[in-house]
Each structure stands twice: as C-alpha cells, then as structure tokens.
C-alpha cells in the first residue's frame, strides 16, 4: 500500500492503482485508450444515477442510523421545496373545495337515503360533514365555512343549468386537485410523464382514474362517518348492554378513523404518482404519514383552541383562514410522508421505478442536453 507524505500514514487506496476508468464506464467495444472523455462521463453519470435510485442490499455495517434517515428525509423535503408545493396545493384546493364538498355531500346523502327519506338524508349528511370538520380541525369556524359552502351549493337545486354547472365543476375541480397532488408527488419522487410517449388518451385516462379514486375515497369516508356516528350515538347503550364504556367506544372510533386515514394515504402513494412502488414500501410510508397526521391534528386542534387566525378581519375571514391553514398543513404532511416513503424505498426497500409512460427527471434532463447538443452540431 502506498504511504503518505510522511511515510507513516497509509493512504486509503491500493498502489499501483487498478484499471481506470472502471469497465462499467467504458462504451461497449471500447477500452480506456479509445473511449472519449464525453462517453466516459456519460456512462459514469448513468452509473451514479442507477446507484442512487435503485435499491441496494443493506448490511448492519452500512445501514443508516435513525438520525441519518431523518436527516435525509428533511433534506429531501427542503431540496424539493415541499413547503412551496404545499402552498400551491392548498391554494388550488381552496378553489376546488365547493365541488369536492358537493360531491362528498352527494355520496353521503346517497348512503343516508337507505335509512332516511330524501330531506332527512340530506340534513343528516350536512350535519355530519359539519360535525366531522369541527372535530377534525378543532375549531367551529371551519364548520361554519363548510356550512356556508354547502348552503350555497344547495341554492337553486334542481335547475338543469345548476346541475350541469355542478357536474362540470366536479369534473374540473375534483380531478384538478388530484392532478395537482400527482404533480407534487412526481416532483418529490423525481419522476415525470415522458413527453415523447404521453398522449391525450393518457391524460384522459389519468383524469378518469382520479375521479374513480375520489369516488372510492368518498365511499370509504362514508363508511367511516357512519361507523363513527353509530359508535358515538350508541356509546351509552352499548355500555349498558355489553359493558363497553364510553372511553372504549371512543378508542374504537379513533382506531377506525386511523385505519381509514392509513388506507387513504396508502392509496395516494400507490396509485397517484407516475412510479411503481412495492406495497411493502408504501405500507411503511403510509404508516409514517398516518402517525404524523394524527399527531399534527392534535397539535392543530390545540393551536386553534387558543388562536383565531384572521379573527381581526371578521368571522368570514377567520373561517376561511382556519380552512386554508388546515389544508396547507395536511398537504405538507402528505409531502413529508412521500419523502419518507421515497427515502425508505430507495435505501432499504425495493426502490422507485418510473411507470412505462414516465421517466426519471435526471433522464429527462440528460435527454434534453443530448438533444440540445445534437442541434448545435
């Protein structure tokens, strides 16, 4: 081994050196004497990119510590400007909230119509949405804002133009929010649709899938709300019949809500981005996101119980501010969970692979550079 300048400290490389550059950096049919520097640099870039994004086996000696894992998550969160993405997503959601609530109210009313007549079903569904919003956000102002939106949606109900505009708003607004969330997740996972293979039918298919996912999540939320309402309404009766205390009923209710939130996050991470991720990696990321969401929900409830954002501007501004703060926080939690999923999948899991119709961002950059170089020549 070659010694250092002083002749005592060994350097960390063998002497004489091995072949340079490595064979994996050389074009096929070339050797280190005939390959150009540009070819070697391009293959070196490909090798580094492959090692960065594909999974590698972990041993006790090279496994990252928990602190390193957390540092990388927050480093990726900062690098991808997730706070800015969350703000844009919250702004987009604020405009799409009326059609989203209208769609959710329609699903809830349909479910309630199996137990009540049409008027009672709509009233029960509206009250349930308001109650759940106030409970989740910890502030009555959010419930007031949702009540105002629902009341405006119900005005002139039954007119054909109202129905047509509502349906168009649902399609554009609801699927637009999902598309914005998909773009944010793609940026976090550093993939994007391949512009050379993505056509209009792919875009339409994504919109249809987005609408189907909204319907599925709405049905899941309907089941959760019904079960929660039943447990809350029958807490005392169950306590007298089977010995279940109100505390146990509340714990069961919380567990059901946590399971529903977990399934929603898992579906978002698995189906929304233009990437293929193993269910095992998605399960870990969804679990982390669920824990962060529940802890953050408690923190936001405490914040709203002692603070009134926008109160100096009036009740309407206060309710809107509460809603925007909540949506912004939720968007940041989702993106932070996506970063945790990416870091876990790349370092310890099965990696993140672009869909057949997508590419990694670094590959798109390389392709663009090659195209620019070709035009210049």
Foldseek 3Di string as FASTA:
>chain_A
DDADPVRPHRDPADPPHDDPPDPQLADPPDDPVPGDPVSSVVSVVVVVVCLQFFEDDDDPVPADDPVVLVVQLVVLCVVLVLLVLLLVLLVLCLVLVLLLLVVLLVLQLVVQCVPDPNVVSSVVSLVLVLVVQCVQQLANLLSVLSNVSVVVLPPPPPDPVSVVVSVVSNLCSQLVSLLSLQVSLCSSLQKDFDPVQDDPVNVVVSSVVSVVLSVVLSVLVSVLSVLLVVLVVCQVVCCVPVVRHNVNSVVVNVVSVLVSQLVNLLCSLCPRYQKHADSVLSSVLSVQLSVVSVVVSVVSSVVNVVDQPPVVVDSNRSSSVSSSVVSSVNSSSSSSSSSSSQSCCRHPRRGIGGHPRMDGNVVVVVVVVVVVVVVVD
